[in-house]
Amino acid sequence: AAAISTHCLDITEPKTIRGLEAGYRWSLSDLPARRRRPPHR
């Protein structure tokens, strides 16, 4: 509960009945929307 409330953000896209439950999937709250490619050498 402390980890979820402090460090996580709910990003659930429900596809099943289980996925409809609150707090089923989580992600870090400071993640960017898209991952960047690493710079070339």
PDB file of all heavy atoms in Angstrom:
ATOM      1  N   ALA A   1       0.830  -1.205   0.000  1.00  0.00           N
ATOM      2  CA  ALA A   1       0.000   0.000   0.000  1.00  0.00           C
ATOM      3  C   ALA A   1       0.867   1.259   0.000  1.00  0.00           C
ATOM      4  O   ALA A   1       0.579   2.231  -0.710  1.00  0.00           O
ATOM      5  CB  ALA A   1      -0.936  -0.010   1.202  1.00  0.00           C
ATOM      6  N   ALA A   2       1.944   1.239   0.774  1.00  0.00           N
ATOM      7  CA  ALA A   2       2.859   2.389   0.808  1.00  0.00           C
ATOM      8  C   ALA A   2       3.562   2.557  -0.538  1.00  0.00           C
ATOM      9  O   ALA A   2       3.734   3.681  -1.022  1.00  0.00           O
ATOM     10  CB  ALA A   2       3.882   2.214   1.926  1.00  0.00           C
ATOM     11  N   ALA A   3       3.963   1.456  -1.146  1.00  0.00           N
ATOM     12  CA  ALA A   3       4.629   1.522  -2.450  1.00  0.00           C
ATOM     13  C   ALA A   3       3.686   2.081  -3.508  1.00  0.00           C
ATOM     14  O   ALA A   3       4.066   2.961  -4.287  1.00  0.00           O
ATOM     15  CB  ALA A   3       5.117   0.130  -2.862  1.00  0.00           C
ATOM     16  N   ILE A   4       2.463   1.604  -3.526  1.00  0.00           N
ATOM     17  CA  ILE A   4       1.496   2.056  -4.523  1.00  0.00           C
ATOM     18  C   ILE A   4       1.138   3.522  -4.325  1.00  0.00           C
ATOM     19  O   ILE A   4       1.127   4.300  -5.278  1.00  0.00           O
ATOM     20  CB  ILE A   4       0.237   1.164  -4.494  1.00  0.00           C
ATOM     21  CG1 ILE A   4       0.567  -0.203  -5.086  1.00  0.00           C
ATOM     22  CG2 ILE A   4      -0.923   1.817  -5.238  1.00  0.00           C
ATOM     23  CD1 ILE A   4      -0.532  -1.223  -4.937  1.00  0.00           C
ATOM     24  N   SER A   5       0.864   3.914  -3.100  1.00  0.00           N
ATOM     25  CA  SER A   5       0.429   5.292  -2.857  1.00  0.00           C
ATOM     26  C   SER A   5       1.549   6.307  -3.066  1.00  0.00           C
ATOM     27  O   SER A   5       1.292   7.440  -3.461  1.00  0.00           O
ATOM     28  CB  SER A   5      -0.147   5.431  -1.449  1.00  0.00           C
ATOM     29  OG  SER A   5       0.864   5.225  -0.485  1.00  0.00           O
ATOM     30  N   THR A   6       2.783   5.902  -2.848  1.00  0.00           N
ATOM     31  CA  THR A   6       3.896   6.840  -2.928  1.00  0.00           C
ATOM     32  C   THR A   6       4.600   6.827  -4.283  1.00  0.00           C
ATOM     33  O   THR A   6       4.971   7.882  -4.794  1.00  0.00           O
ATOM     34  CB  THR A   6       4.941   6.515  -1.837  1.00  0.00           C
ATOM     35  OG1 THR A   6       4.285   6.453  -0.579  1.00  0.00           O
ATOM     36  CG2 THR A   6       6.016   7.576  -1.787  1.00  0.00           C
ATOM     37  N   HIS A   7       4.801   5.661  -4.870  1.00  0.00           N
ATOM     38  CA  HIS A   7       5.694   5.542  -6.028  1.00  0.00           C
ATOM     39  C   HIS A   7       5.038   5.072  -7.324  1.00  0.00           C
ATOM     40  O   HIS A   7       5.725   4.975  -8.337  1.00  0.00           O
ATOM     41  CB  HIS A   7       6.830   4.574  -5.702  1.00  0.00           C
ATOM     42  CG  HIS A   7       7.561   4.920  -4.455  1.00  0.00           C
ATOM     43  ND1 HIS A   7       8.340   6.035  -4.337  1.00  0.00           N
ATOM     44  CD2 HIS A   7       7.605   4.300  -3.244  1.00  0.00           C
ATOM     45  CE1 HIS A   7       8.835   6.088  -3.115  1.00  0.00           C
ATOM     46  NE2 HIS A   7       8.415   5.055  -2.442  1.00  0.00           N
ATOM     47  N   CYS A   8       3.748   4.740  -7.304  1.00  0.00           N
ATOM     48  CA  CYS A   8       3.138   4.116  -8.474  1.00  0.00           C
ATOM     49  C   CYS A   8       1.934   4.900  -8.991  1.00  0.00           C
ATOM     50  O   CYS A   8       1.323   5.670  -8.276  1.00  0.00           O
ATOM     51  CB  CYS A   8       2.702   2.696  -8.136  1.00  0.00           C
ATOM     52  SG  CYS A   8       4.055   1.640  -7.604  1.00  0.00           S
ATOM     53  N   LEU A   9       1.613   4.631 -10.250  1.00  0.00           N
ATOM     54  CA  LEU A   9       0.487   5.250 -10.926  1.00  0.00           C
ATOM     55  C   LEU A   9      -0.298   4.154 -11.628  1.00  0.00           C
ATOM     56  O   LEU A   9       0.285   3.310 -12.319  1.00  0.00           O
ATOM     57  CB  LEU A   9       1.003   6.263 -11.956  1.00  0.00           C
ATOM     58  CG  LEU A   9      -0.011   6.922 -12.864  1.00  0.00           C
ATOM     59  CD1 LEU A   9      -0.889   7.871 -12.057  1.00  0.00           C
ATOM     60  CD2 LEU A   9       0.706   7.690 -13.950  1.00  0.00           C
ATOM     61  N   ASP A  10      -1.630   4.170 -11.465  1.00  0.00           N
ATOM     62  CA  ASP A  10      -2.474   3.159 -12.079  1.00  0.00           C
ATOM     63  C   ASP A  10      -2.599   3.434 -13.573  1.00  0.00           C
ATOM     64  O   ASP A  10      -3.022   4.508 -13.985  1.00  0.00           O
ATOM     65  CB  ASP A  10      -3.853   3.180 -11.427  1.00  0.00           C
ATOM     66  CG  ASP A  10      -4.744   2.053 -11.908  1.00  0.00           C
ATOM     67  OD1 ASP A  10      -4.299   1.259 -12.755  1.00  0.00           O
ATOM     68  OD2 ASP A  10      -5.876   1.965 -11.423  1.00  0.00           O
ATOM     69  N   ILE A  11      -2.188   2.472 -14.392  1.00  0.00           N
ATOM     70  CA  ILE A  11      -2.272   2.627 -15.853  1.00  0.00           C
ATOM     71  C   ILE A  11      -3.123   1.522 -16.459  1.00  0.00           C
ATOM     72  O   ILE A  11      -2.954   1.151 -17.606  1.00  0.00           O
ATOM     73  CB  ILE A  11      -0.879   2.621 -16.500  1.00  0.00           C
ATOM     74  CG1 ILE A  11      -0.173   1.300 -16.200  1.00  0.00           C
ATOM     75  CG2 ILE A  11      -0.066   3.813 -16.064  1.00  0.00           C
ATOM     76  CD1 ILE A  11       1.016   1.042 -17.084  1.00  0.00           C
ATOM     77  N   THR A  12      -4.056   1.027 -15.690  1.00  0.00           N
ATOM     78  CA  THR A  12      -4.850  -0.111 -16.102  1.00  0.00           C
ATOM     79  C   THR A  12      -5.678   0.182 -17.339  1.00  0.00           C
ATOM     80  O   THR A  12      -6.370   1.178 -17.417  1.00  0.00           O
ATOM     81  CB  THR A  12      -5.784  -0.544 -14.951  1.00  0.00           C
ATOM     82  OG1 THR A  12      -5.006  -0.813 -13.806  1.00  0.00           O
ATOM     83  CG2 THR A  12      -6.580  -1.757 -15.335  1.00  0.00           C
ATOM     84  N   GLU A  13      -5.589  -0.708 -18.291  1.00  0.00           N
ATOM     85  CA  GLU A  13      -6.479  -0.726 -19.441  1.00  0.00           C
ATOM     86  C   GLU A  13      -7.224  -2.047 -19.340  1.00  0.00           C
ATOM     87  O   GLU A  13      -6.731  -3.082 -19.775  1.00  0.00           O
ATOM     88  CB  GLU A  13      -5.689  -0.649 -20.739  1.00  0.00           C
ATOM     89  CG  GLU A  13      -4.943   0.646 -20.911  1.00  0.00           C
ATOM     90  CD  GLU A  13      -4.065   0.619 -22.150  1.00  0.00           C
ATOM     91  OE1 GLU A  13      -4.206  -0.301 -22.976  1.00  0.00           O
ATOM     92  OE2 GLU A  13      -3.230   1.521 -22.262  1.00  0.00           O
ATOM     93  N   PRO A  14      -8.394  -2.039 -18.720  1.00  0.00           N
ATOM     94  CA  PRO A  14      -9.072  -3.310 -18.430  1.00  0.00           C
ATOM     95  C   PRO A  14      -9.442  -4.075 -19.689  1.00  0.00           C
ATOM     96  O   PRO A  14     -10.016  -3.528 -20.618  1.00  0.00           O
ATOM     97  CB  PRO A  14     -10.316  -2.884 -17.655  1.00  0.00           C
ATOM     98  CG  PRO A  14     -10.479  -1.442 -17.887  1.00  0.00           C
ATOM     99  CD  PRO A  14      -9.140  -0.894 -18.272  1.00  0.00           C
ATOM    100  N   LYS A  15      -9.070  -5.353 -19.709  1.00  0.00           N
ATOM    101  CA  LYS A  15      -9.405  -6.240 -20.816  1.00  0.00           C
ATOM    102  C   LYS A  15     -10.130  -7.480 -20.302  1.00  0.00           C
ATOM    103  O   LYS A  15     -10.681  -8.238 -21.083  1.00  0.00           O
ATOM    104  CB  LYS A  15      -8.137  -6.654 -21.562  1.00  0.00           C
ATOM    105  CG  LYS A  15      -7.450  -5.480 -22.228  1.00  0.00           C
ATOM    106  CD  LYS A  15      -6.202  -5.919 -22.934  1.00  0.00           C
ATOM    107  CE  LYS A  15      -5.524  -4.703 -23.546  1.00  0.00           C
ATOM    108  NZ  LYS A  15      -4.231  -4.990 -24.100  1.00  0.00           N
ATOM    109  N   THR A  16     -10.093  -7.686 -18.983  1.00  0.00           N
ATOM    110  CA  THR A  16     -10.771  -8.817 -18.366  1.00  0.00           C
ATOM    111  C   THR A  16     -11.547  -8.315 -17.158  1.00  0.00           C
ATOM    112  O   THR A  16     -11.394  -7.164 -16.740  1.00  0.00           O
ATOM    113  CB  THR A  16      -9.757  -9.879 -17.899  1.00  0.00           C
ATOM    114  OG1 THR A  16      -8.935  -9.311 -16.871  1.00  0.00           O
ATOM    115  CG2 THR A  16      -8.899 -10.387 -19.037  1.00  0.00           C
ATOM    116  N   ILE A  17     -12.344  -9.182 -16.578  1.00  0.00           N
ATOM    117  CA  ILE A  17     -13.085  -8.807 -15.373  1.00  0.00           C
ATOM    118  C   ILE A  17     -12.109  -8.495 -14.246  1.00  0.00           C
ATOM    119  O   ILE A  17     -12.284  -7.543 -13.499  1.00  0.00           O
ATOM    120  CB  ILE A  17     -14.057  -9.929 -14.969  1.00  0.00           C
ATOM    121  CG1 ILE A  17     -15.147 -10.063 -16.037  1.00  0.00           C
ATOM    122  CG2 ILE A  17     -14.666  -9.667 -13.611  1.00  0.00           C
ATOM    123  CD1 ILE A  17     -16.065 -11.245 -15.856  1.00  0.00           C
ATOM    124  N   ARG A  18     -11.045  -9.277 -14.142  1.00  0.00           N
ATOM    125  CA  ARG A  18     -10.025  -9.030 -13.102  1.00  0.00           C
ATOM    126  C   ARG A  18      -9.385  -7.666 -13.306  1.00  0.00           C
ATOM    127  O   ARG A  18      -9.090  -6.947 -12.371  1.00  0.00           O
ATOM    128  CB  ARG A  18      -8.957 -10.128 -13.160  1.00  0.00           C
ATOM    129  CG  ARG A  18      -7.797  -9.938 -12.220  1.00  0.00           C
ATOM    130  CD  ARG A  18      -8.163 -10.376 -10.837  1.00  0.00           C
ATOM    131  NE  ARG A  18      -6.954 -10.396 -10.024  1.00  0.00           N
ATOM    132  CZ  ARG A  18      -6.902  -9.879  -8.821  1.00  0.00           C
ATOM    133  NH1 ARG A  18      -7.945  -9.348  -8.277  1.00  0.00           N
ATOM    134  NH2 ARG A  18      -5.785  -9.926  -8.140  1.00  0.00           N
ATOM    135  N   GLY A  19      -9.171  -7.282 -14.551  1.00  0.00           N
ATOM    136  CA  GLY A  19      -8.563  -5.999 -14.852  1.00  0.00           C
ATOM    137  C   GLY A  19      -9.442  -4.812 -14.512  1.00  0.00           C
ATOM    138  O   GLY A  19      -8.965  -3.691 -14.412  1.00  0.00           O
ATOM    139  N   LEU A  20     -10.735  -5.044 -14.337  1.00  0.00           N
ATOM    140  CA  LEU A  20     -11.649  -3.973 -13.960  1.00  0.00           C
ATOM    141  C   LEU A  20     -11.500  -3.579 -12.489  1.00  0.00           C
ATOM    142  O   LEU A  20     -11.949  -2.514 -12.083  1.00  0.00           O
ATOM    143  CB  LEU A  20     -13.107  -4.377 -14.234  1.00  0.00           C
ATOM    144  CG  LEU A  20     -13.472  -4.521 -15.709  1.00  0.00           C
ATOM    145  CD1 LEU A  20     -14.868  -5.123 -15.844  1.00  0.00           C
ATOM    146  CD2 LEU A  20     -13.408  -3.176 -16.410  1.00  0.00           C
ATOM    147  N   GLU A  21     -10.897  -4.446 -11.680  1.00  0.00           N
ATOM    148  CA  GLU A  21     -10.722  -4.154 -10.263  1.00  0.00           C
ATOM    149  C   GLU A  21      -9.747  -2.998 -10.078  1.00  0.00           C
ATOM    150  O   GLU A  21      -8.731  -2.901 -10.764  1.00  0.00           O
ATOM    151  CB  GLU A  21     -10.199  -5.380  -9.524  1.00  0.00           C
ATOM    152  CG  GLU A  21     -11.182  -6.518  -9.506  1.00  0.00           C
ATOM    153  CD  GLU A  21     -10.640  -7.730  -8.785  1.00  0.00           C
ATOM    154  OE1 GLU A  21      -9.617  -7.607  -8.072  1.00  0.00           O
ATOM    155  OE2 GLU A  21     -11.235  -8.800  -8.933  1.00  0.00           O
ATOM    156  N   ALA A  22     -10.071  -2.127  -9.152  1.00  0.00           N
ATOM    157  CA  ALA A  22      -9.207  -0.969  -8.879  1.00  0.00           C
ATOM    158  C   ALA A  22      -7.852  -1.447  -8.369  1.00  0.00           C
ATOM    159  O   ALA A  22      -7.760  -2.354  -7.554  1.00  0.00           O
ATOM    160  CB  ALA A  22      -9.861  -0.068  -7.841  1.00  0.00           C
ATOM    161  N   GLY A  23      -6.810  -0.839  -8.874  1.00  0.00           N
ATOM    162  CA  GLY A  23      -5.465  -1.133  -8.394  1.00  0.00           C
ATOM    163  C   GLY A  23      -4.891  -2.440  -8.886  1.00  0.00           C
ATOM    164  O   GLY A  23      -4.047  -3.023  -8.219  1.00  0.00           O
ATOM    165  N   TYR A  24      -5.323  -2.910 -10.049  1.00  0.00           N
ATOM    166  CA  TYR A  24      -4.805  -4.190 -10.520  1.00  0.00           C
ATOM    167  C   TYR A  24      -3.440  -4.054 -11.180  1.00  0.00           C
ATOM    168  O   TYR A  24      -2.557  -4.853 -10.951  1.00  0.00           O
ATOM    169  CB  TYR A  24      -5.801  -4.820 -11.496  1.00  0.00           C
ATOM    170  CG  TYR A  24      -5.372  -6.178 -11.984  1.00  0.00           C
ATOM    171  CD1 TYR A  24      -5.274  -7.247 -11.115  1.00  0.00           C
ATOM    172  CD2 TYR A  24      -5.053  -6.387 -13.312  1.00  0.00           C
ATOM    173  CE1 TYR A  24      -4.874  -8.487 -11.555  1.00  0.00           C
ATOM    174  CE2 TYR A  24      -4.659  -7.628 -13.766  1.00  0.00           C
ATOM    175  CZ  TYR A  24      -4.574  -8.677 -12.880  1.00  0.00           C
ATOM    176  OH  TYR A  24      -4.164  -9.903 -13.313  1.00  0.00           O
ATOM    177  N   ARG A  25      -3.230  -3.038 -12.028  1.00  0.00           N
ATOM    178  CA  ARG A  25      -1.941  -2.834 -12.686  1.00  0.00           C
ATOM    179  C   ARG A  25      -1.378  -1.485 -12.281  1.00  0.00           C
ATOM    180  O   ARG A  25      -2.086  -0.507 -12.176  1.00  0.00           O
ATOM    181  CB  ARG A  25      -2.103  -2.864 -14.212  1.00  0.00           C
ATOM    182  CG  ARG A  25      -2.242  -4.257 -14.750  1.00  0.00           C
ATOM    183  CD  ARG A  25      -2.262  -4.277 -16.251  1.00  0.00           C
ATOM    184  NE  ARG A  25      -1.092  -3.613 -16.797  1.00  0.00           N
ATOM    185  CZ  ARG A  25      -1.081  -3.020 -17.975  1.00  0.00           C
ATOM    186  NH1 ARG A  25      -2.137  -2.988 -18.720  1.00  0.00           N
ATOM    187  NH2 ARG A  25       0.014  -2.442 -18.427  1.00  0.00           N
ATOM    188  N   TRP A  26      -0.063  -1.438 -12.155  1.00  0.00           N
ATOM    189  CA  TRP A  26       0.593  -0.211 -11.697  1.00  0.00           C
ATOM    190  C   TRP A  26       1.855   0.040 -12.486  1.00  0.00           C
ATOM    191  O   TRP A  26       2.430  -0.854 -13.085  1.00  0.00           O
ATOM    192  CB  TRP A  26       0.937  -0.307 -10.210  1.00  0.00           C
ATOM    193  CG  TRP A  26      -0.289  -0.476  -9.404  1.00  0.00           C
ATOM    194  CD1 TRP A  26      -0.857  -1.654  -9.011  1.00  0.00           C
ATOM    195  CD2 TRP A  26      -1.133   0.547  -8.922  1.00  0.00           C
ATOM    196  NE1 TRP A  26      -1.992  -1.411  -8.324  1.00  0.00           N
ATOM    197  CE2 TRP A  26      -2.190  -0.073  -8.241  1.00  0.00           C
ATOM    198  CE3 TRP A  26      -1.107   1.942  -8.996  1.00  0.00           C
ATOM    199  CZ2 TRP A  26      -3.203   0.647  -7.641  1.00  0.00           C
ATOM    200  CZ3 TRP A  26      -2.123   2.647  -8.384  1.00  0.00           C
ATOM    201  CH2 TRP A  26      -3.153   2.008  -7.725  1.00  0.00           C
ATOM    202  N   SER A  27       2.320   1.268 -12.454  1.00  0.00           N
ATOM    203  CA  SER A  27       3.566   1.658 -13.087  1.00  0.00           C
ATOM    204  C   SER A  27       4.174   2.760 -12.234  1.00  0.00           C
ATOM    205  O   SER A  27       3.493   3.394 -11.438  1.00  0.00           O
ATOM    206  CB  SER A  27       3.306   2.181 -14.497  1.00  0.00           C
ATOM    207  OG  SER A  27       4.506   2.631 -15.073  1.00  0.00           O
ATOM    208  N   LEU A  28       5.458   3.011 -12.408  1.00  0.00           N
ATOM    209  CA  LEU A  28       6.057   4.131 -11.696  1.00  0.00           C
ATOM    210  C   LEU A  28       5.455   5.420 -12.196  1.00  0.00           C
ATOM    211  O   LEU A  28       5.246   5.607 -13.396  1.00  0.00           O
ATOM    212  CB  LEU A  28       7.575   4.155 -11.884  1.00  0.00           C
ATOM    213  CG  LEU A  28       8.337   3.110 -11.092  1.00  0.00           C
ATOM    214  CD1 LEU A  28       9.826   3.303 -11.293  1.00  0.00           C
ATOM    215  CD2 LEU A  28       8.019   3.162  -9.624  1.00  0.00           C
ATOM    216  N   SER A  29       5.168   6.352 -11.301  1.00  0.00           N
ATOM    217  CA  SER A  29       4.444   7.562 -11.662  1.00  0.00           C
ATOM    218  C   SER A  29       5.255   8.515 -12.531  1.00  0.00           C
ATOM    219  O   SER A  29       4.700   9.341 -13.232  1.00  0.00           O
ATOM    220  CB  SER A  29       3.986   8.287 -10.398  1.00  0.00           C
ATOM    221  OG  SER A  29       5.095   8.575  -9.588  1.00  0.00           O
ATOM    222  N   ASP A  30       6.566   8.404 -12.529  1.00  0.00           N
ATOM    223  CA  ASP A  30       7.374   9.342 -13.292  1.00  0.00           C
ATOM    224  C   ASP A  30       7.867   8.778 -14.629  1.00  0.00           C
ATOM    225  O   ASP A  30       8.759   9.328 -15.246  1.00  0.00           O
ATOM    226  CB  ASP A  30       8.568   9.823 -12.464  1.00  0.00           C
ATOM    227  CG  ASP A  30       9.480   8.684 -12.033  1.00  0.00           C
ATOM    228  OD1 ASP A  30       9.106   7.517 -12.221  1.00  0.00           O
ATOM    229  OD2 ASP A  30      10.547   8.982 -11.499  1.00  0.00           O
ATOM    230  N   LEU A  31       7.258   7.702 -15.107  1.00  0.00           N
ATOM    231  CA  LEU A  31       7.666   7.147 -16.390  1.00  0.00           C
ATOM    232  C   LEU A  31       7.212   8.048 -17.529  1.00  0.00           C
ATOM    233  O   LEU A  31       6.095   8.549 -17.517  1.00  0.00           O
ATOM    234  CB  LEU A  31       7.039   5.767 -16.604  1.00  0.00           C
ATOM    235  CG  LEU A  31       7.707   4.605 -15.929  1.00  0.00           C
ATOM    236  CD1 LEU A  31       6.937   3.330 -16.239  1.00  0.00           C
ATOM    237  CD2 LEU A  31       9.139   4.450 -16.363  1.00  0.00           C
ATOM    238  N   PRO A  32       8.055   8.261 -18.516  1.00  0.00           N
ATOM    239  CA  PRO A  32       7.602   9.027 -19.686  1.00  0.00           C
ATOM    240  C   PRO A  32       6.601   8.203 -20.490  1.00  0.00           C
ATOM    241  O   PRO A  32       6.542   6.986 -20.377  1.00  0.00           O
ATOM    242  CB  PRO A  32       8.888   9.257 -20.482  1.00  0.00           C
ATOM    243  CG  PRO A  32       9.804   8.163 -20.046  1.00  0.00           C
ATOM    244  CD  PRO A  32       9.443   7.846 -18.609  1.00  0.00           C
ATOM    245  N   ALA A  33       5.825   8.882 -21.307  1.00  0.00           N
ATOM    246  CA  ALA A  33       4.809   8.200 -22.100  1.00  0.00           C
ATOM    247  C   ALA A  33       5.448   7.206 -23.072  1.00  0.00           C
ATOM    248  O   ALA A  33       4.946   6.128 -23.287  1.00  0.00           O
ATOM    249  CB  ALA A  33       3.972   9.212 -22.854  1.00  0.00           C
ATOM    250  N   ARG A  34       6.561   7.570 -23.702  1.00  0.00           N
ATOM    251  CA  ARG A  34       7.291   6.692 -24.616  1.00  0.00           C
ATOM    252  C   ARG A  34       8.737   6.587 -24.191  1.00  0.00           C
ATOM    253  O   ARG A  34       9.322   7.546 -23.697  1.00  0.00           O
ATOM    254  CB  ARG A  34       7.257   7.247 -26.035  1.00  0.00           C
ATOM    255  CG  ARG A  34       5.962   6.981 -26.722  1.00  0.00           C
ATOM    256  CD  ARG A  34       5.952   7.509 -28.125  1.00  0.00           C
ATOM    257  NE  ARG A  34       7.220   7.308 -28.813  1.00  0.00           N
ATOM    258  CZ  ARG A  34       7.488   7.798 -30.008  1.00  0.00           C
ATOM    259  NH1 ARG A  34       6.607   8.523 -30.631  1.00  0.00           N
ATOM    260  NH2 ARG A  34       8.659   7.588 -30.578  1.00  0.00           N
ATOM    261  N   ARG A  35       9.320   5.444 -24.421  1.00  0.00           N
ATOM    262  CA  ARG A  35      10.738   5.286 -24.117  1.00  0.00           C
ATOM    263  C   ARG A  35      11.553   5.897 -25.243  1.00  0.00           C
ATOM    264  O   ARG A  35      11.229   5.752 -26.412  1.00  0.00           O
ATOM    265  CB  ARG A  35      11.080   3.810 -23.962  1.00  0.00           C
ATOM    266  CG  ARG A  35      10.394   3.226 -22.746  1.00  0.00           C
ATOM    267  CD  ARG A  35      10.681   1.777 -22.636  1.00  0.00           C
ATOM    268  NE  ARG A  35      12.094   1.573 -22.375  1.00  0.00           N
ATOM    269  CZ  ARG A  35      12.614   0.440 -21.997  1.00  0.00           C
ATOM    270  NH1 ARG A  35      11.868  -0.600 -21.840  1.00  0.00           N
ATOM    271  NH2 ARG A  35      13.918   0.329 -21.790  1.00  0.00           N
ATOM    272  N   ARG A  36      12.608   6.580 -24.893  1.00  0.00           N
ATOM    273  CA  ARG A  36      13.479   7.187 -25.898  1.00  0.00           C
ATOM    274  C   ARG A  36      14.508   6.178 -26.383  1.00  0.00           C
ATOM    275  O   ARG A  36      14.927   5.306 -25.655  1.00  0.00           O
ATOM    276  CB  ARG A  36      14.212   8.382 -25.298  1.00  0.00           C
ATOM    277  CG  ARG A  36      13.311   9.503 -24.921  1.00  0.00           C
ATOM    278  CD  ARG A  36      14.163  10.647 -24.463  1.00  0.00           C
ATOM    279  NE  ARG A  36      13.343  11.592 -23.734  1.00  0.00           N
ATOM    280  CZ  ARG A  36      13.820  12.658 -23.160  1.00  0.00           C
ATOM    281  NH1 ARG A  36      15.103  12.911 -23.189  1.00  0.00           N
ATOM    282  NH2 ARG A  36      13.026  13.477 -22.527  1.00  0.00           N
ATOM    283  N   ARG A  37      14.935   6.372 -27.624  1.00  0.00           N
ATOM    284  CA  ARG A  37      16.002   5.539 -28.156  1.00  0.00           C
ATOM    285  C   ARG A  37      17.328   6.005 -27.582  1.00  0.00           C
ATOM    286  O   ARG A  37      17.537   7.203 -27.379  1.00  0.00           O
ATOM    287  CB  ARG A  37      16.068   5.660 -29.664  1.00  0.00           C
ATOM    288  CG  ARG A  37      14.872   5.082 -30.359  1.00  0.00           C
ATOM    289  CD  ARG A  37      15.040   5.322 -31.811  1.00  0.00           C
ATOM    290  NE  ARG A  37      14.955   4.055 -32.493  1.00  0.00           N
ATOM    291  CZ  ARG A  37      15.001   3.931 -33.791  1.00  0.00           C
ATOM    292  NH1 ARG A  37      15.149   4.992 -34.554  1.00  0.00           N
ATOM    293  NH2 ARG A  37      14.893   2.761 -34.349  1.00  0.00           N
ATOM    294  N   PRO A  38      18.247   5.090 -27.344  1.00  0.00           N
ATOM    295  CA  PRO A  38      19.560   5.511 -26.854  1.00  0.00           C
ATOM    296  C   PRO A  38      20.307   6.283 -27.942  1.00  0.00           C
ATOM    297  O   PRO A  38      20.132   6.011 -29.127  1.00  0.00           O
ATOM    298  CB  PRO A  38      20.273   4.197 -26.532  1.00  0.00           C
ATOM    299  CG  PRO A  38      19.525   3.147 -27.251  1.00  0.00           C
ATOM    300  CD  PRO A  38      18.129   3.647 -27.466  1.00  0.00           C
ATOM    301  N   PRO A  39      21.119   7.260 -27.558  1.00  0.00           N
ATOM    302  CA  PRO A  39      21.858   8.023 -28.571  1.00  0.00           C
ATOM    303  C   PRO A  39      22.875   7.146 -29.290  1.00  0.00           C
ATOM    304  O   PRO A  39      23.391   6.186 -28.741  1.00  0.00           O
ATOM    305  CB  PRO A  39      22.560   9.115 -27.773  1.00  0.00           C
ATOM    306  CG  PRO A  39      22.510   8.692 -26.366  1.00  0.00           C
ATOM    307  CD  PRO A  39      21.393   7.716 -26.214  1.00  0.00           C
ATOM    308  N   HIS A  40      23.156   7.499 -30.525  1.00  0.00           N
ATOM    309  CA  HIS A  40      24.141   6.790 -31.331  1.00  0.00           C
ATOM    310  C   HIS A  40      25.529   7.126 -30.799  1.00  0.00           C
ATOM    311  O   HIS A  40      25.734   8.101 -30.087  1.00  0.00           O
ATOM    312  CB  HIS A  40      24.003   7.198 -32.804  1.00  0.00           C
ATOM    313  CG  HIS A  40      24.724   6.275 -33.718  1.00  0.00           C
ATOM    314  ND1 HIS A  40      25.982   6.526 -34.147  1.00  0.00           N
ATOM    315  CD2 HIS A  40      24.355   5.086 -34.264  1.00  0.00           C
ATOM    316  CE1 HIS A  40      26.382   5.543 -34.941  1.00  0.00           C
ATOM    317  NE2 HIS A  40      25.407   4.660 -35.029  1.00  0.00           N
ATOM    318  N   ARG A  41      26.505   6.337 -31.133  1.00  0.00           N
ATOM    319  CA  ARG A  41      27.876   6.551 -30.636  1.00  0.00           C
ATOM    320  C   ARG A  41      28.422   7.933 -30.968  1.00  0.00           C
ATOM    321  O   ARG A  41      29.203   8.486 -30.220  1.00  0.00           O
ATOM    322  CB  ARG A  41      28.812   5.514 -31.206  1.00  0.00           C
ATOM    323  CG  ARG A  41      28.642   4.172 -30.580  1.00  0.00           C
ATOM    324  CD  ARG A  41      29.699   3.245 -31.084  1.00  0.00           C
ATOM    325  NE  ARG A  41      29.051   1.964 -31.349  1.00  0.00           N
ATOM    326  CZ  ARG A  41      29.506   1.050 -32.148  1.00  0.00           C
ATOM    327  NH1 ARG A  41      30.617   1.260 -32.810  1.00  0.00           N
ATOM    328  NH2 ARG A  41      28.888  -0.066 -32.310  1.00  0.00           N
TER     329      ARG A  41
END
